[in-house]
Amino acid sequence: MRKKAILFVGIFAFAFGCASHLNYERSSTSDIPFHKRKIPSLEKAIVIDSKGPSLDPKFYEIMGRAVAKVSNVSALSSHCKDAIDLLRLEAEKVGGDALINVSCSSGAFDANASGTIISFKNRQEGLKVLRDIKAVLK
């Protein structure tokens, strides 16, 4: 009887895992006009957390806003982390260096994130200033 119960739980977990993978939805978009887009670099876009010091606007240009939405049947996954990762990919796709003003609202099975994509006027200088002011980076 115990073996049957373990087998049943295993089959149920497998079926639930497959169902959650099949129902996983992700989407992201940005409002960046074509003339502001840049050639994507090999550098990963960073997220400047609003909980830390912010970068002076003289070091960057605002490219535009991005939004992302993820949904998954599994309540075990970190939906906000997935949504913010999608924002990061959207920023990289349009040639952005970083994201500021990132926010995320999460439900039991989904999350919506938004943020502002920026481009450093000088990437090395911008990163140096961020390190100097001890900004919280993700």
C-alpha atoms as a PDB file:
ATOM      1  CA  MET A   1       0.000   0.000   0.000  1.00  0.00           C
ATOM      2  CA  ARG A   2       2.828   2.374   0.886  1.00  0.00           C
ATOM      3  CA  LYS A   3       4.567   1.723  -2.455  1.00  0.00           C
ATOM      4  CA  LYS A   4       1.336   2.506  -4.308  1.00  0.00           C
ATOM      5  CA  ALA A   5       0.981   5.787  -2.423  1.00  0.00           C
ATOM      6  CA  ILE A   6       4.575   6.775  -3.251  1.00  0.00           C
ATOM      7  CA  LEU A   7       4.043   5.802  -6.889  1.00  0.00           C
ATOM      8  CA  PHE A   8       0.817   7.841  -7.030  1.00  0.00           C
ATOM      9  CA  VAL A   9       2.533  10.918  -5.515  1.00  0.00           C
ATOM     10  CA  GLY A  10       5.409  10.551  -8.005  1.00  0.00           C
ATOM     11  CA  ILE A  11       3.053  10.333 -10.987  1.00  0.00           C
ATOM     12  CA  PHE A  12       1.055  13.315  -9.701  1.00  0.00           C
ATOM     13  CA  ALA A  13       4.215  15.424  -9.257  1.00  0.00           C
ATOM     14  CA  PHE A  14       5.421  14.477 -12.747  1.00  0.00           C
ATOM     15  CA  ALA A  15       2.063  15.358 -14.327  1.00  0.00           C
ATOM     16  CA  PHE A  16       1.873  18.654 -12.419  1.00  0.00           C
ATOM     17  CA  GLY A  17       5.408  19.560 -13.495  1.00  0.00           C
ATOM     18  CA  CYS A  18       4.620  18.832 -17.146  1.00  0.00           C
ATOM     19  CA  ALA A  19       1.384  20.829 -16.972  1.00  0.00           C
ATOM     20  CA  SER A  20       3.123  23.836 -15.416  1.00  0.00           C
ATOM     21  CA  HIS A  21       5.817  23.756 -18.103  1.00  0.00           C
ATOM     22  CA  LEU A  22       3.242  23.619 -20.893  1.00  0.00           C
ATOM     23  CA  ASN A  23       1.259  26.553 -19.484  1.00  0.00           C
ATOM     24  CA  TYR A  24       4.237  28.869 -19.043  1.00  0.00           C
ATOM     25  CA  GLU A  25       3.711  32.184 -20.838  1.00  0.00           C
ATOM     26  CA  ARG A  26       6.208  35.032 -21.214  1.00  0.00           C
ATOM     27  CA  SER A  27       5.949  38.312 -23.066  1.00  0.00           C
ATOM     28  CA  SER A  28       7.784  41.618 -23.081  1.00  0.00           C
ATOM     29  CA  THR A  29       7.711  44.814 -25.097  1.00  0.00           C
ATOM     30  CA  SER A  30       9.151  48.309 -25.107  1.00  0.00           C
ATOM     31  CA  ASP A  31       8.126  51.694 -26.461  1.00  0.00           C
ATOM     32  CA  ILE A  32      11.603  52.652 -27.700  1.00  0.00           C
ATOM     33  CA  PRO A  33      11.463  54.516 -31.016  1.00  0.00           C
ATOM     34  CA  PHE A  34      13.693  53.190 -33.758  1.00  0.00           C
ATOM     35  CA  HIS A  35      15.955  56.261 -33.814  1.00  0.00           C
ATOM     36  CA  LYS A  36      16.883  55.722 -30.123  1.00  0.00           C
ATOM     37  CA  ARG A  37      17.794  52.058 -30.522  1.00  0.00           C
ATOM     38  CA  LYS A  38      21.432  51.040 -30.519  1.00  0.00           C
ATOM     39  CA  ILE A  39      23.337  48.021 -31.679  1.00  0.00           C
ATOM     40  CA  PRO A  40      23.111  45.406 -28.895  1.00  0.00           C
ATOM     41  CA  SER A  41      26.389  44.900 -27.098  1.00  0.00           C
ATOM     42  CA  LEU A  42      27.691  41.716 -25.562  1.00  0.00           C
ATOM     43  CA  GLU A  43      27.388  43.292 -22.114  1.00  0.00           C
ATOM     44  CA  LYS A  44      24.523  42.224 -19.879  1.00  0.00           C
ATOM     45  CA  ALA A  45      22.079  44.996 -18.965  1.00  0.00           C
ATOM     46  CA  ILE A  46      22.084  45.796 -15.261  1.00  0.00           C
ATOM     47  CA  VAL A  47      19.187  46.665 -12.995  1.00  0.00           C
ATOM     48  CA  ILE A  48      19.816  49.656 -10.734  1.00  0.00           C
ATOM     49  CA  ASP A  49      17.701  49.028  -7.652  1.00  0.00           C
ATOM     50  CA  SER A  50      15.708  51.990  -6.382  1.00  0.00           C
ATOM     51  CA  LYS A  51      16.521  50.972  -2.779  1.00  0.00           C
ATOM     52  CA  GLY A  52      20.063  52.284  -3.189  1.00  0.00           C
ATOM     53  CA  PRO A  53      21.557  55.577  -4.385  1.00  0.00           C
ATOM     54  CA  SER A  54      20.499  56.620  -7.860  1.00  0.00           C
ATOM     55  CA  LEU A  55      22.722  57.626 -10.737  1.00  0.00           C
ATOM     56  CA  ASP A  56      22.836  61.295 -11.711  1.00  0.00           C
ATOM     57  CA  PRO A  57      20.896  61.811 -14.979  1.00  0.00           C
ATOM     58  CA  LYS A  58      23.908  63.539 -16.545  1.00  0.00           C
ATOM     59  CA  PHE A  59      25.504  60.093 -16.996  1.00  0.00           C
ATOM     60  CA  TYR A  60      22.692  58.521 -19.058  1.00  0.00           C
ATOM     61  CA  GLU A  61      19.952  59.031 -21.603  1.00  0.00           C
ATOM     62  CA  ILE A  62      16.456  57.620 -21.168  1.00  0.00           C
ATOM     63  CA  MET A  63      15.576  55.367 -24.089  1.00  0.00           C
ATOM     64  CA  GLY A  64      12.020  54.459 -23.071  1.00  0.00           C
ATOM     65  CA  ARG A  65       9.862  52.089 -21.006  1.00  0.00           C
ATOM     66  CA  ALA A  66       9.598  48.325 -21.076  1.00  0.00           C
ATOM     67  CA  VAL A  67       6.988  45.968 -19.650  1.00  0.00           C
ATOM     68  CA  ALA A  68       7.026  42.221 -19.123  1.00  0.00           C
ATOM     69  CA  LYS A  69       4.464  39.614 -18.063  1.00  0.00           C
ATOM     70  CA  VAL A  70       4.984  36.008 -17.024  1.00  0.00           C
ATOM     71  CA  SER A  71       2.448  33.429 -15.949  1.00  0.00           C
ATOM     72  CA  ASN A  72       2.946  29.891 -14.785  1.00  0.00           C
ATOM     73  CA  VAL A  73       0.712  27.399 -13.035  1.00  0.00           C
ATOM     74  CA  SER A  74       3.464  26.602 -10.557  1.00  0.00           C
ATOM     75  CA  ALA A  75       3.338  28.745  -7.456  1.00  0.00           C
ATOM     76  CA  LEU A  76       6.838  27.512  -6.588  1.00  0.00           C
ATOM     77  CA  SER A  77       8.734  29.615  -9.143  1.00  0.00           C
ATOM     78  CA  SER A  78       9.842  33.208  -8.597  1.00  0.00           C
ATOM     79  CA  HIS A  79       7.570  35.065 -11.007  1.00  0.00           C
ATOM     80  CA  CYS A  80       9.034  38.539 -10.344  1.00  0.00           C
ATOM     81  CA  LYS A  81      12.565  37.286 -10.993  1.00  0.00           C
ATOM     82  CA  ASP A  82      11.420  35.857 -14.336  1.00  0.00           C
ATOM     83  CA  ALA A  83       9.611  39.084 -15.272  1.00  0.00           C
ATOM     84  CA  ILE A  84      12.638  41.235 -14.397  1.00  0.00           C
ATOM     85  CA  ASP A  85      14.895  38.901 -16.404  1.00  0.00           C
ATOM     86  CA  LEU A  86      12.564  39.500 -19.363  1.00  0.00           C
ATOM     87  CA  LEU A  87      12.914  43.254 -18.855  1.00  0.00           C
ATOM     88  CA  ARG A  88      16.687  42.829 -18.888  1.00  0.00           C
ATOM     89  CA  LEU A  89      16.500  40.917 -22.177  1.00  0.00           C
ATOM     90  CA  GLU A  90      14.257  43.604 -23.660  1.00  0.00           C
ATOM     91  CA  ALA A  91      16.816  46.264 -22.669  1.00  0.00           C
ATOM     92  CA  GLU A  92      19.644  44.260 -24.232  1.00  0.00           C
ATOM     93  CA  LYS A  93      17.639  43.771 -27.416  1.00  0.00           C
ATOM     94  CA  VAL A  94      17.331  47.532 -28.019  1.00  0.00           C
ATOM     95  CA  GLY A  95      20.920  48.303 -26.975  1.00  0.00           C
ATOM     96  CA  GLY A  96      20.170  49.584 -23.464  1.00  0.00           C
ATOM     97  CA  ASP A  97      22.810  49.451 -20.760  1.00  0.00           C
ATOM     98  CA  ALA A  98      20.615  49.385 -17.663  1.00  0.00           C
ATOM     99  CA  LEU A  99      17.130  49.557 -16.184  1.00  0.00           C
ATOM    100  CA  ILE A 100      15.952  52.050 -13.572  1.00  0.00           C
ATOM    101  CA  ASN A 101      12.640  52.502 -11.765  1.00  0.00           C
ATOM    102  CA  VAL A 102      11.957  48.764 -11.965  1.00  0.00           C
ATOM    103  CA  SER A 103       8.794  47.587 -10.268  1.00  0.00           C
ATOM    104  CA  CYS A 104       7.082  44.226 -10.145  1.00  0.00           C
ATOM    105  CA  SER A 105       3.697  43.079  -8.902  1.00  0.00           C
ATOM    106  CA  SER A 106       3.261  39.385  -8.362  1.00  0.00           C
ATOM    107  CA  GLY A 107       0.204  37.200  -8.006  1.00  0.00           C
ATOM    108  CA  ALA A 108       0.015  33.530  -7.109  1.00  0.00           C
ATOM    109  CA  PHE A 109       0.635  32.413 -10.681  1.00  0.00           C
ATOM    110  CA  ASP A 110       1.845  35.504 -12.570  1.00  0.00           C
ATOM    111  CA  ALA A 111       3.849  38.728 -12.407  1.00  0.00           C
ATOM    112  CA  ASN A 112       3.934  42.057 -14.229  1.00  0.00           C
ATOM    113  CA  ALA A 113       7.123  44.115 -14.292  1.00  0.00           C
ATOM    114  CA  SER A 114       8.002  47.485 -15.764  1.00  0.00           C
ATOM    115  CA  GLY A 115      11.071  49.671 -15.910  1.00  0.00           C
ATOM    116  CA  THR A 116      12.844  52.477 -17.733  1.00  0.00           C
ATOM    117  CA  ILE A 117      15.628  51.510 -20.137  1.00  0.00           C
ATOM    118  CA  ILE A 118      18.653  53.812 -20.110  1.00  0.00           C
ATOM    119  CA  SER A 119      21.814  54.101 -22.141  1.00  0.00           C
ATOM    120  CA  PHE A 120      25.021  55.360 -20.539  1.00  0.00           C
ATOM    121  CA  LYS A 121      26.679  58.288 -22.274  1.00  0.00           C
ATOM    122  CA  ASN A 122      29.967  56.556 -21.401  1.00  0.00           C
ATOM    123  CA  ARG A 123      29.552  52.979 -20.134  1.00  0.00           C
ATOM    124  CA  GLN A 124      32.862  52.752 -18.241  1.00  0.00           C
ATOM    125  CA  GLU A 125      32.333  56.102 -16.555  1.00  0.00           C
ATOM    126  CA  GLY A 126      28.729  55.228 -15.658  1.00  0.00           C
ATOM    127  CA  LEU A 127      29.742  51.903 -14.112  1.00  0.00           C
ATOM    128  CA  LYS A 128      32.573  53.584 -12.182  1.00  0.00           C
ATOM    129  CA  VAL A 129      30.173  56.177 -10.748  1.00  0.00           C
ATOM    130  CA  LEU A 130      27.719  53.411  -9.791  1.00  0.00           C
ATOM    131  CA  ARG A 131      30.504  51.591  -7.920  1.00  0.00           C
ATOM    132  CA  ASP A 132      31.636  54.822  -6.232  1.00  0.00           C
ATOM    133  CA  ILE A 133      28.162  55.703  -4.947  1.00  0.00           C
ATOM    134  CA  LYS A 134      27.644  52.056  -3.922  1.00  0.00           C
ATOM    135  CA  ALA A 135      24.459  51.682  -5.935  1.00  0.00           C
ATOM    136  CA  VAL A 136      22.518  48.456  -5.466  1.00  0.00           C
ATOM    137  CA  LEU A 137      22.878  46.509  -8.727  1.00  0.00           C
ATOM    138  CA  LYS A 138      21.112  43.329  -9.763  1.00  0.00           C
END
